Amino acid sequence: MQKRRVVVTGLGMVSPIGNSINEVWDNLLHGVSGIGVVSRFDASTMTTRIAAEVKNFVVADWMPPKEIRRSDKFIHYGLAAAKMALADAELVIDASNAERIGVNMGSGTGG
């Protein structure tokens, strides 16, 4: 089996400590925590009222309204991060390379 080389050319990230690679990196270096009191819903009756929520994410910057309504938050985050990575890579995608380009994603949990 022939080994194929993989080259990471772009990065993108949506996380509790930032919504771009630069913001996340800066917050990591400064010890910023993304953990705080739950703000998306009333968690007062829950045993745990803290979480690491994504903050200040504007989904309309990344997706059209129709697609926003049809998908969950984790899709919004993943698509935005993928678009950031492709922009960061500055790739020109055309017929000669479209089948050789991919995006690898990871998620701790859903949205």
PDB file of N, CA and C in Angstrom:
ATOM      1  N   MET A   1       0.840  -1.180   0.000  1.00  0.00           N
ATOM      2  CA  MET A   1       0.000   0.000   0.000  1.00  0.00           C
ATOM      3  C   MET A   1       0.888   1.247   0.000  1.00  0.00           C
ATOM      4  N   GLN A   2       0.594   2.143  -0.893  1.00  0.00           N
ATOM      5  CA  GLN A   2       1.383   3.367  -1.012  1.00  0.00           C
ATOM      6  C   GLN A   2       1.002   4.363   0.088  1.00  0.00           C
ATOM      7  N   LYS A   3       2.026   4.897   0.751  1.00  0.00           N
ATOM      8  CA  LYS A   3       1.773   5.913   1.769  1.00  0.00           C
ATOM      9  C   LYS A   3       1.560   7.254   1.083  1.00  0.00           C
ATOM     10  N   ARG A   4       0.556   7.985   1.559  1.00  0.00           N
ATOM     11  CA  ARG A   4       0.282   9.302   1.001  1.00  0.00           C
ATOM     12  C   ARG A   4       0.601  10.351   2.045  1.00  0.00           C
ATOM     13  N   ARG A   5       1.162  11.409   1.609  1.00  0.00           N
ATOM     14  CA  ARG A   5       1.535  12.492   2.506  1.00  0.00           C
ATOM     15  C   ARG A   5       0.332  13.410   2.747  1.00  0.00           C
ATOM     16  N   VAL A   6       0.157  13.805   3.993  1.00  0.00           N
ATOM     17  CA  VAL A   6      -0.901  14.743   4.357  1.00  0.00           C
ATOM     18  C   VAL A   6      -0.238  16.037   4.795  1.00  0.00           C
ATOM     19  N   VAL A   7      -0.728  17.138   4.277  1.00  0.00           N
ATOM     20  CA  VAL A   7      -0.177  18.445   4.617  1.00  0.00           C
ATOM     21  C   VAL A   7      -1.292  19.310   5.190  1.00  0.00           C
ATOM     22  N   VAL A   8      -1.084  19.806   6.398  1.00  0.00           N
ATOM     23  CA  VAL A   8      -2.048  20.726   7.004  1.00  0.00           C
ATOM     24  C   VAL A   8      -1.696  22.122   6.511  1.00  0.00           C
ATOM     25  N   THR A   9      -2.615  22.731   5.792  1.00  0.00           N
ATOM     26  CA  THR A   9      -2.331  24.041   5.196  1.00  0.00           C
ATOM     27  C   THR A   9      -3.148  25.167   5.805  1.00  0.00           C
ATOM     28  N   GLY A  10      -4.180  24.828   6.570  1.00  0.00           N
ATOM     29  CA  GLY A  10      -5.019  25.864   7.163  1.00  0.00           C
ATOM     30  C   GLY A  10      -5.672  25.370   8.430  1.00  0.00           C
ATOM     31  N   LEU A  11      -5.963  26.303   9.323  1.00  0.00           N
ATOM     32  CA  LEU A  11      -6.585  25.979  10.602  1.00  0.00           C
ATOM     33  C   LEU A  11      -7.815  26.850  10.819  1.00  0.00           C
ATOM     34  N   GLY A  12      -8.783  26.314  11.547  1.00  0.00           N
ATOM     35  CA  GLY A  12      -9.968  27.073  11.936  1.00  0.00           C
ATOM     36  C   GLY A  12     -10.477  26.526  13.253  1.00  0.00           C
ATOM     37  N   MET A  13     -11.059  27.378  14.077  1.00  0.00           N
ATOM     38  CA  MET A  13     -11.511  26.908  15.380  1.00  0.00           C
ATOM     39  C   MET A  13     -12.647  27.764  15.922  1.00  0.00           C
ATOM     40  N   VAL A  14     -13.627  27.091  16.513  1.00  0.00           N
ATOM     41  CA  VAL A  14     -14.688  27.721  17.294  1.00  0.00           C
ATOM     42  C   VAL A  14     -14.667  26.996  18.624  1.00  0.00           C
ATOM     43  N   SER A  15     -14.449  27.731  19.708  1.00  0.00           N
ATOM     44  CA  SER A  15     -14.308  27.080  21.011  1.00  0.00           C
ATOM     45  C   SER A  15     -14.735  28.020  22.135  1.00  0.00           C
ATOM     46  N   PRO A  16     -14.839  27.500  23.346  1.00  0.00           N
ATOM     47  CA  PRO A  16     -15.195  28.352  24.485  1.00  0.00           C
ATOM     48  C   PRO A  16     -14.165  29.437  24.804  1.00  0.00           C
ATOM     49  N   ILE A  17     -12.966  29.340  24.253  1.00  0.00           N
ATOM     50  CA  ILE A  17     -11.979  30.396  24.525  1.00  0.00           C
ATOM     51  C   ILE A  17     -11.660  31.228  23.285  1.00  0.00           C
ATOM     52  N   GLY A  18     -12.476  31.109  22.269  1.00  0.00           N
ATOM     53  CA  GLY A  18     -12.288  31.952  21.097  1.00  0.00           C
ATOM     54  C   GLY A  18     -12.892  31.370  19.843  1.00  0.00           C
ATOM     55  N   ASN A  19     -13.144  32.251  18.902  1.00  0.00           N
ATOM     56  CA  ASN A  19     -13.781  31.844  17.654  1.00  0.00           C
ATOM     57  C   ASN A  19     -12.896  32.061  16.438  1.00  0.00           C
ATOM     58  N   SER A  20     -11.600  32.002  16.664  1.00  0.00           N
ATOM     59  CA  SER A  20     -10.619  32.034  15.582  1.00  0.00           C
ATOM     60  C   SER A  20      -9.318  31.461  16.139  1.00  0.00           C
ATOM     61  N   ILE A  21      -8.448  31.034  15.265  1.00  0.00           N
ATOM     62  CA  ILE A  21      -7.168  30.479  15.709  1.00  0.00           C
ATOM     63  C   ILE A  21      -6.390  31.508  16.521  1.00  0.00           C
ATOM     64  N   ASN A  22      -6.325  32.743  16.046  1.00  0.00           N
ATOM     65  CA  ASN A  22      -5.568  33.771  16.765  1.00  0.00           C
ATOM     66  C   ASN A  22      -6.144  34.051  18.150  1.00  0.00           C
ATOM     67  N   GLU A  23      -7.465  34.139  18.241  1.00  0.00           N
ATOM     68  CA  GLU A  23      -8.107  34.399  19.532  1.00  0.00           C
ATOM     69  C   GLU A  23      -7.885  33.237  20.501  1.00  0.00           C
ATOM     70  N   VAL A  24      -8.036  32.022  20.025  1.00  0.00           N
ATOM     71  CA  VAL A  24      -7.823  30.846  20.877  1.00  0.00           C
ATOM     72  C   VAL A  24      -6.367  30.791  21.345  1.00  0.00           C
ATOM     73  N   TRP A  25      -5.434  30.986  20.435  1.00  0.00           N
ATOM     74  CA  TRP A  25      -4.016  30.927  20.794  1.00  0.00           C
ATOM     75  C   TRP A  25      -3.674  31.989  21.839  1.00  0.00           C
ATOM     76  N   ASP A  26      -4.132  33.214  21.624  1.00  0.00           N
ATOM     77  CA  ASP A  26      -3.872  34.297  22.569  1.00  0.00           C
ATOM     78  C   ASP A  26      -4.462  33.967  23.943  1.00  0.00           C
ATOM     79  N   ASN A  27      -5.677  33.456  23.966  1.00  0.00           N
ATOM     80  CA  ASN A  27      -6.312  33.107  25.239  1.00  0.00           C
ATOM     81  C   ASN A  27      -5.620  31.933  25.922  1.00  0.00           C
ATOM     82  N   LEU A  28      -5.132  30.973  25.147  1.00  0.00           N
ATOM     83  CA  LEU A  28      -4.356  29.872  25.732  1.00  0.00           C
ATOM     84  C   LEU A  28      -3.089  30.397  26.397  1.00  0.00           C
ATOM     85  N   LEU A  29      -2.383  31.277  25.705  1.00  0.00           N
ATOM     86  CA  LEU A  29      -1.142  31.831  26.247  1.00  0.00           C
ATOM     87  C   LEU A  29      -1.371  32.652  27.514  1.00  0.00           C
ATOM     88  N   HIS A  30      -2.549  33.257  27.618  1.00  0.00           N
ATOM     89  CA  HIS A  30      -2.860  34.092  28.775  1.00  0.00           C
ATOM     90  C   HIS A  30      -3.676  33.355  29.840  1.00  0.00           C
ATOM     91  N   GLY A  31      -3.845  32.062  29.698  1.00  0.00           N
ATOM     92  CA  GLY A  31      -4.531  31.262  30.713  1.00  0.00           C
ATOM     93  C   GLY A  31      -6.010  31.547  30.860  1.00  0.00           C
ATOM     94  N   VAL A  32      -6.651  32.017  29.803  1.00  0.00           N
ATOM     95  CA  VAL A  32      -8.081  32.317  29.843  1.00  0.00           C
ATOM     96  C   VAL A  32      -8.867  31.010  29.873  1.00  0.00           C
ATOM     97  N   SER A  33      -9.840  30.941  30.752  1.00  0.00           N
ATOM     98  CA  SER A  33     -10.703  29.765  30.855  1.00  0.00           C
ATOM     99  C   SER A  33     -12.015  30.035  30.125  1.00  0.00           C
ATOM    100  N   GLY A  34     -12.530  29.030  29.467  1.00  0.00           N
ATOM    101  CA  GLY A  34     -13.819  29.145  28.797  1.00  0.00           C
ATOM    102  C   GLY A  34     -14.961  28.623  29.649  1.00  0.00           C
ATOM    103  N   ILE A  35     -14.669  28.241  30.866  1.00  0.00           N
ATOM    104  CA  ILE A  35     -15.680  27.667  31.751  1.00  0.00           C
ATOM    105  C   ILE A  35     -16.359  28.774  32.540  1.00  0.00           C
ATOM    106  N   GLY A  36     -17.684  28.705  32.622  1.00  0.00           N
ATOM    107  CA  GLY A  36     -18.436  29.709  33.368  1.00  0.00           C
ATOM    108  C   GLY A  36     -19.852  29.238  33.631  1.00  0.00           C
ATOM    109  N   VAL A  37     -20.642  30.126  34.191  1.00  0.00           N
ATOM    110  CA  VAL A  37     -22.041  29.825  34.490  1.00  0.00           C
ATOM    111  C   VAL A  37     -22.801  29.671  33.171  1.00  0.00           C
ATOM    112  N   VAL A  38     -23.652  28.663  33.087  1.00  0.00           N
ATOM    113  CA  VAL A  38     -24.452  28.413  31.890  1.00  0.00           C
ATOM    114  C   VAL A  38     -25.311  29.640  31.597  1.00  0.00           C
ATOM    115  N   SER A  39     -25.274  30.083  30.341  1.00  0.00           N
ATOM    116  CA  SER A  39     -26.034  31.276  29.970  1.00  0.00           C
ATOM    117  C   SER A  39     -27.064  31.020  28.871  1.00  0.00           C
ATOM    118  N   ARG A  40     -27.025  29.859  28.237  1.00  0.00           N
ATOM    119  CA  ARG A  40     -27.933  29.582  27.121  1.00  0.00           C
ATOM    120  C   ARG A  40     -29.335  29.184  27.542  1.00  0.00           C
ATOM    121  N   PHE A  41     -29.461  28.717  28.762  1.00  0.00           N
ATOM    122  CA  PHE A  41     -30.774  28.307  29.260  1.00  0.00           C
ATOM    123  C   PHE A  41     -30.753  28.405  30.776  1.00  0.00           C
ATOM    124  N   ASP A  42     -31.919  28.329  31.375  1.00  0.00           N
ATOM    125  CA  ASP A  42     -32.021  28.396  32.832  1.00  0.00           C
ATOM    126  C   ASP A  42     -31.564  27.058  33.413  1.00  0.00           C
ATOM    127  N   ALA A  43     -30.409  27.065  34.041  1.00  0.00           N
ATOM    128  CA  ALA A  43     -29.848  25.843  34.614  1.00  0.00           C
ATOM    129  C   ALA A  43     -29.992  25.819  36.132  1.00  0.00           C
ATOM    130  N   SER A  44     -30.832  26.694  36.670  1.00  0.00           N
ATOM    131  CA  SER A  44     -30.944  26.816  38.128  1.00  0.00           C
ATOM    132  C   SER A  44     -31.442  25.546  38.803  1.00  0.00           C
ATOM    133  N   THR A  45     -32.154  24.711  38.087  1.00  0.00           N
ATOM    134  CA  THR A  45     -32.651  23.468  38.684  1.00  0.00           C
ATOM    135  C   THR A  45     -31.721  22.279  38.429  1.00  0.00           C
ATOM    136  N   MET A  46     -30.662  22.514  37.710  1.00  0.00           N
ATOM    137  CA  MET A  46     -29.712  21.446  37.385  1.00  0.00           C
ATOM    138  C   MET A  46     -28.687  21.269  38.500  1.00  0.00           C
ATOM    139  N   THR A  47     -28.122  20.081  38.575  1.00  0.00           N
ATOM    140  CA  THR A  47     -27.068  19.813  39.546  1.00  0.00           C
ATOM    141  C   THR A  47     -25.823  20.628  39.223  1.00  0.00           C
ATOM    142  N   THR A  48     -25.509  20.706  37.957  1.00  0.00           N
ATOM    143  CA  THR A  48     -24.346  21.471  37.505  1.00  0.00           C
ATOM    144  C   THR A  48     -24.826  22.689  36.738  1.00  0.00           C
ATOM    145  N   ARG A  49     -24.263  23.833  37.077  1.00  0.00           N
ATOM    146  CA  ARG A  49     -24.661  25.073  36.417  1.00  0.00           C
ATOM    147  C   ARG A  49     -23.475  25.772  35.746  1.00  0.00           C
ATOM    148  N   ILE A  50     -22.431  25.009  35.527  1.00  0.00           N
ATOM    149  CA  ILE A  50     -21.267  25.551  34.826  1.00  0.00           C
ATOM    150  C   ILE A  50     -20.994  24.711  33.584  1.00  0.00           C
ATOM    151  N   ALA A  51     -20.414  25.351  32.595  1.00  0.00           N
ATOM    152  CA  ALA A  51     -20.106  24.662  31.339  1.00  0.00           C
ATOM    153  C   ALA A  51     -19.080  25.483  30.575  1.00  0.00           C
ATOM    154  N   ALA A  52     -18.584  24.911  29.513  1.00  0.00           N
ATOM    155  CA  ALA A  52     -17.680  25.621  28.607  1.00  0.00           C
ATOM    156  C   ALA A  52     -18.464  25.896  27.326  1.00  0.00           C
ATOM    157  N   GLU A  53     -19.173  27.008  27.301  1.00  0.00           N
ATOM    158  CA  GLU A  53     -20.012  27.373  26.162  1.00  0.00           C
ATOM    159  C   GLU A  53     -19.236  28.241  25.169  1.00  0.00           C
ATOM    160  N   VAL A  54     -19.570  28.094  23.906  1.00  0.00           N
ATOM    161  CA  VAL A  54     -19.037  28.996  22.884  1.00  0.00           C
ATOM    162  C   VAL A  54     -19.755  30.328  23.045  1.00  0.00           C
ATOM    163  N   LYS A  55     -18.984  31.410  23.058  1.00  0.00           N
ATOM    164  CA  LYS A  55     -19.561  32.739  23.252  1.00  0.00           C
ATOM    165  C   LYS A  55     -19.250  33.628  22.050  1.00  0.00           C
ATOM    166  N   ASN A  56     -20.102  34.612  21.846  1.00  0.00           N
ATOM    167  CA  ASN A  56     -19.896  35.646  20.815  1.00  0.00           C
ATOM    168  C   ASN A  56     -19.732  35.084  19.404  1.00  0.00           C
ATOM    169  N   PHE A  57     -20.379  33.974  19.134  1.00  0.00           N
ATOM    170  CA  PHE A  57     -20.330  33.379  17.802  1.00  0.00           C
ATOM    171  C   PHE A  57     -21.530  33.881  17.013  1.00  0.00           C
ATOM    172  N   VAL A  58     -21.293  34.462  15.850  1.00  0.00           N
ATOM    173  CA  VAL A  58     -22.365  34.990  15.001  1.00  0.00           C
ATOM    174  C   VAL A  58     -22.524  34.054  13.805  1.00  0.00           C
ATOM    175  N   VAL A  59     -23.495  33.171  13.902  1.00  0.00           N
ATOM    176  CA  VAL A  59     -23.675  32.147  12.872  1.00  0.00           C
ATOM    177  C   VAL A  59     -24.001  32.767  11.519  1.00  0.00           C
ATOM    178  N   ALA A  60     -24.678  33.907  11.504  1.00  0.00           N
ATOM    179  CA  ALA A  60     -25.043  34.557  10.240  1.00  0.00           C
ATOM    180  C   ALA A  60     -23.817  34.997   9.438  1.00  0.00           C
ATOM    181  N   ASP A  61     -22.671  35.088  10.087  1.00  0.00           N
ATOM    182  CA  ASP A  61     -21.432  35.403   9.368  1.00  0.00           C
ATOM    183  C   ASP A  61     -20.949  34.222   8.527  1.00  0.00           C
ATOM    184  N   TRP A  62     -21.494  33.037   8.785  1.00  0.00           N
ATOM    185  CA  TRP A  62     -20.966  31.826   8.161  1.00  0.00           C
ATOM    186  C   TRP A  62     -21.974  31.042   7.331  1.00  0.00           C
ATOM    187  N   MET A  63     -23.275  31.262   7.576  1.00  0.00           N
ATOM    188  CA  MET A  63     -24.291  30.459   6.903  1.00  0.00           C
ATOM    189  C   MET A  63     -25.493  31.320   6.532  1.00  0.00           C
ATOM    190  N   PRO A  64     -26.206  30.953   5.469  1.00  0.00           N
ATOM    191  CA  PRO A  64     -27.445  31.662   5.135  1.00  0.00           C
ATOM    192  C   PRO A  64     -28.567  31.276   6.109  1.00  0.00           C
ATOM    193  N   PRO A  65     -29.553  32.164   6.304  1.00  0.00           N
ATOM    194  CA  PRO A  65     -30.636  31.927   7.276  1.00  0.00           C
ATOM    195  C   PRO A  65     -31.347  30.585   7.121  1.00  0.00           C
ATOM    196  N   LYS A  66     -31.604  30.164   5.893  1.00  0.00           N
ATOM    197  CA  LYS A  66     -32.306  28.896   5.668  1.00  0.00           C
ATOM    198  C   LYS A  66     -31.515  27.720   6.238  1.00  0.00           C
ATOM    199  N   GLU A  67     -30.209  27.720   6.024  1.00  0.00           N
ATOM    200  CA  GLU A  67     -29.367  26.639   6.538  1.00  0.00           C
ATOM    201  C   GLU A  67     -29.223  26.714   8.058  1.00  0.00           C
ATOM    202  N   ILE A  68     -29.225  27.916   8.593  1.00  0.00           N
ATOM    203  CA  ILE A  68     -29.143  28.077  10.051  1.00  0.00           C
ATOM    204  C   ILE A  68     -30.335  27.398  10.711  1.00  0.00           C
ATOM    205  N   ARG A  69     -31.515  27.635  10.155  1.00  0.00           N
ATOM    206  CA  ARG A  69     -32.738  27.055  10.735  1.00  0.00           C
ATOM    207  C   ARG A  69     -32.759  25.531  10.634  1.00  0.00           C
ATOM    208  N   ARG A  70     -32.105  24.983   9.626  1.00  0.00           N
ATOM    209  CA  ARG A  70     -32.148  23.540   9.376  1.00  0.00           C
ATOM    210  C   ARG A  70     -31.067  22.745  10.103  1.00  0.00           C
ATOM    211  N   SER A  71     -30.215  23.422  10.844  1.00  0.00           N
ATOM    212  CA  SER A  71     -29.096  22.697  11.444  1.00  0.00           C
ATOM    213  C   SER A  71     -28.860  23.106  12.895  1.00  0.00           C
ATOM    214  N   ASP A  72     -28.188  22.236  13.620  1.00  0.00           N
ATOM    215  CA  ASP A  72     -27.910  22.451  15.039  1.00  0.00           C
ATOM    216  C   ASP A  72     -26.621  23.251  15.211  1.00  0.00           C
ATOM    217  N   LYS A  73     -26.394  23.708  16.427  1.00  0.00           N
ATOM    218  CA  LYS A  73     -25.230  24.538  16.728  1.00  0.00           C
ATOM    219  C   LYS A  73     -23.909  23.853  16.378  1.00  0.00           C
ATOM    220  N   PHE A  74     -23.785  22.558  16.640  1.00  0.00           N
ATOM    221  CA  PHE A  74     -22.505  21.906  16.355  1.00  0.00           C
ATOM    222  C   PHE A  74     -22.197  21.922  14.861  1.00  0.00           C
ATOM    223  N   ILE A  75     -23.222  21.911  14.026  1.00  0.00           N
ATOM    224  CA  ILE A  75     -23.033  22.048  12.583  1.00  0.00           C
ATOM    225  C   ILE A  75     -22.552  23.462  12.259  1.00  0.00           C
ATOM    226  N   HIS A  76     -23.157  24.459  12.899  1.00  0.00           N
ATOM    227  CA  HIS A  76     -22.742  25.857  12.695  1.00  0.00           C
ATOM    228  C   HIS A  76     -21.262  26.017  13.024  1.00  0.00           C
ATOM    229  N   TYR A  77     -20.870  25.492  14.179  1.00  0.00           N
ATOM    230  CA  TYR A  77     -19.474  25.622  14.620  1.00  0.00           C
ATOM    231  C   TYR A  77     -18.520  24.905  13.665  1.00  0.00           C
ATOM    232  N   GLY A  78     -18.875  23.685  13.300  1.00  0.00           N
ATOM    233  CA  GLY A  78     -18.009  22.900  12.417  1.00  0.00           C
ATOM    234  C   GLY A  78     -17.861  23.520  11.041  1.00  0.00           C
ATOM    235  N   LEU A  79     -18.965  24.005  10.487  1.00  0.00           N
ATOM    236  CA  LEU A  79     -18.905  24.628   9.171  1.00  0.00           C
ATOM    237  C   LEU A  79     -18.080  25.912   9.216  1.00  0.00           C
ATOM    238  N   ALA A  80     -18.270  26.713  10.255  1.00  0.00           N
ATOM    239  CA  ALA A  80     -17.487  27.948  10.389  1.00  0.00           C
ATOM    240  C   ALA A  80     -16.000  27.627  10.507  1.00  0.00           C
ATOM    241  N   ALA A  81     -15.655  26.642  11.332  1.00  0.00           N
ATOM    242  CA  ALA A  81     -14.245  26.268  11.502  1.00  0.00           C
ATOM    243  C   ALA A  81     -13.654  25.750  10.192  1.00  0.00           C
ATOM    244  N   ALA A  82     -14.430  24.969   9.447  1.00  0.00           N
ATOM    245  CA  ALA A  82     -13.952  24.461   8.154  1.00  0.00           C
ATOM    246  C   ALA A  82     -13.729  25.605   7.172  1.00  0.00           C
ATOM    247  N   LYS A  83     -14.647  26.559   7.148  1.00  0.00           N
ATOM    248  CA  LYS A  83     -14.483  27.713   6.257  1.00  0.00           C
ATOM    249  C   LYS A  83     -13.269  28.546   6.658  1.00  0.00           C
ATOM    250  N   MET A  84     -13.047  28.685   7.969  1.00  0.00           N
ATOM    251  CA  MET A  84     -11.858  29.404   8.445  1.00  0.00           C
ATOM    252  C   MET A  84     -10.587  28.695   7.984  1.00  0.00           C
ATOM    253  N   ALA A  85     -10.576  27.365   8.099  1.00  0.00           N
ATOM    254  CA  ALA A  85      -9.395  26.587   7.709  1.00  0.00           C
ATOM    255  C   ALA A  85      -9.116  26.718   6.216  1.00  0.00           C
ATOM    256  N   LEU A  86     -10.153  26.663   5.411  1.00  0.00           N
ATOM    257  CA  LEU A  86      -9.964  26.813   3.967  1.00  0.00           C
ATOM    258  C   LEU A  86      -9.470  28.215   3.620  1.00  0.00           C
ATOM    259  N   ALA A  87     -10.000  29.227   4.297  1.00  0.00           N
ATOM    260  CA  ALA A  87      -9.533  30.602   4.063  1.00  0.00           C
ATOM    261  C   ALA A  87      -8.083  30.756   4.517  1.00  0.00           C
ATOM    262  N   ASP A  88      -7.754  30.157   5.665  1.00  0.00           N
ATOM    263  CA  ASP A  88      -6.392  30.226   6.195  1.00  0.00           C
ATOM    264  C   ASP A  88      -5.396  29.564   5.239  1.00  0.00           C
ATOM    265  N   ALA A  89      -5.828  28.504   4.586  1.00  0.00           N
ATOM    266  CA  ALA A  89      -4.962  27.775   3.657  1.00  0.00           C
ATOM    267  C   ALA A  89      -4.720  28.547   2.361  1.00  0.00           C
ATOM    268  N   GLU A  90      -5.599  29.475   2.056  1.00  0.00           N
ATOM    269  CA  GLU A  90      -5.510  30.254   0.814  1.00  0.00           C
ATOM    270  C   GLU A  90      -5.423  29.354  -0.414  1.00  0.00           C
ATOM    271  N   LEU A  91      -6.171  28.264  -0.370  1.00  0.00           N
ATOM    272  CA  LEU A  91      -6.180  27.329  -1.495  1.00  0.00           C
ATOM    273  C   LEU A  91      -7.097  27.821  -2.605  1.00  0.00           C
ATOM    274  N   VAL A  92      -6.677  27.602  -3.815  1.00  0.00           N
ATOM    275  CA  VAL A  92      -7.546  27.808  -4.962  1.00  0.00           C
ATOM    276  C   VAL A  92      -8.064  26.421  -5.319  1.00  0.00           C
ATOM    277  N   ILE A  93      -9.341  26.206  -5.087  1.00  0.00           N
ATOM    278  CA  ILE A  93      -9.923  24.886  -5.344  1.00  0.00           C
ATOM    279  C   ILE A  93     -10.521  24.891  -6.744  1.00  0.00           C
ATOM    280  N   ASP A  94     -10.046  23.953  -7.561  1.00  0.00           N
ATOM    281  CA  ASP A  94     -10.549  23.827  -8.922  1.00  0.00           C
ATOM    282  C   ASP A  94     -10.619  22.344  -9.287  1.00  0.00           C
ATOM    283  N   ALA A  95     -10.942  22.065 -10.525  1.00  0.00           N
ATOM    284  CA  ALA A  95     -11.126  20.678 -10.968  1.00  0.00           C
ATOM    285  C   ALA A  95      -9.867  19.833 -10.803  1.00  0.00           C
ATOM    286  N   SER A  96      -8.702  20.455 -10.841  1.00  0.00           N
ATOM    287  CA  SER A  96      -7.461  19.685 -10.763  1.00  0.00           C
ATOM    288  C   SER A  96      -7.125  19.207  -9.348  1.00  0.00           C
ATOM    289  N   ASN A  97      -7.704  19.845  -8.332  1.00  0.00           N
ATOM    290  CA  ASN A  97      -7.338  19.457  -6.965  1.00  0.00           C
ATOM    291  C   ASN A  97      -8.522  19.213  -6.032  1.00  0.00           C
ATOM    292  N   ALA A  98      -9.724  19.418  -6.498  1.00  0.00           N
ATOM    293  CA  ALA A  98     -10.899  19.327  -5.624  1.00  0.00           C
ATOM    294  C   ALA A  98     -11.028  17.974  -4.926  1.00  0.00           C
ATOM    295  N   GLU A  99     -10.658  16.908  -5.603  1.00  0.00           N
ATOM    296  CA  GLU A  99     -10.785  15.577  -5.009  1.00  0.00           C
ATOM    297  C   GLU A  99      -9.642  15.243  -4.059  1.00  0.00           C
ATOM    298  N   ARG A 100      -8.648  16.113  -3.971  1.00  0.00           N
ATOM    299  CA  ARG A 100      -7.494  15.864  -3.099  1.00  0.00           C
ATOM    300  C   ARG A 100      -7.513  16.732  -1.845  1.00  0.00           C
ATOM    301  N   ILE A 101      -8.540  17.552  -1.697  1.00  0.00           N
ATOM    302  CA  ILE A 101      -8.630  18.474  -0.564  1.00  0.00           C
ATOM    303  C   ILE A 101      -9.696  17.978   0.395  1.00  0.00           C
ATOM    304  N   GLY A 102      -9.382  18.005   1.669  1.00  0.00           N
ATOM    305  CA  GLY A 102     -10.343  17.569   2.671  1.00  0.00           C
ATOM    306  C   GLY A 102     -10.229  18.400   3.928  1.00  0.00           C
ATOM    307  N   VAL A 103     -11.195  18.232   4.791  1.00  0.00           N
ATOM    308  CA  VAL A 103     -11.205  18.914   6.082  1.00  0.00           C
ATOM    309  C   VAL A 103     -11.348  17.857   7.159  1.00  0.00           C
ATOM    310  N   ASN A 104     -10.487  17.898   8.153  1.00  0.00           N
ATOM    311  CA  ASN A 104     -10.558  16.985   9.289  1.00  0.00           C
ATOM    312  C   ASN A 104     -11.076  17.782  10.472  1.00  0.00           C
ATOM    313  N   MET A 105     -12.113  17.269  11.126  1.00  0.00           N
ATOM    314  CA  MET A 105     -12.735  18.012  12.216  1.00  0.00           C
ATOM    315  C   MET A 105     -12.832  17.163  13.471  1.00  0.00           C
ATOM    316  N   GLY A 106     -12.883  17.846  14.597  1.00  0.00           N
ATOM    317  CA  GLY A 106     -13.092  17.175  15.869  1.00  0.00           C
ATOM    318  C   GLY A 106     -14.028  17.996  16.726  1.00  0.00           C
ATOM    319  N   SER A 107     -14.765  17.314  17.595  1.00  0.00           N
ATOM    320  CA  SER A 107     -15.698  18.003  18.483  1.00  0.00           C
ATOM    321  C   SER A 107     -15.735  17.282  19.817  1.00  0.00           C
ATOM    322  N   GLY A 108     -15.672  18.068  20.899  1.00  0.00           N
ATOM    323  CA  GLY A 108     -15.768  17.466  22.225  1.00  0.00           C
ATOM    324  C   GLY A 108     -17.182  16.988  22.510  1.00  0.00           C
ATOM    325  N   THR A 109     -18.147  17.776  22.118  1.00  0.00           N
ATOM    326  CA  THR A 109     -19.568  17.436  22.226  1.00  0.00           C
ATOM    327  C   THR A 109     -20.303  18.197  21.152  1.00  0.00           C
ATOM    328  N   GLY A 110     -21.592  18.031  21.086  1.00  0.00           N
ATOM    329  CA  GLY A 110     -22.399  18.772  20.119  1.00  0.00           C
ATOM    330  C   GLY A 110     -22.620  20.197  20.576  1.00  0.00           C
ATOM    331  N   GLY A 111     -23.565  20.882  19.948  1.00  0.00           N
ATOM    332  CA  GLY A 111     -23.840  22.282  20.272  1.00  0.00           C
ATOM    333  C   GLY A 111     -24.917  22.357  21.241  1.00  0.00           C
TER     334      GLY A 111
END
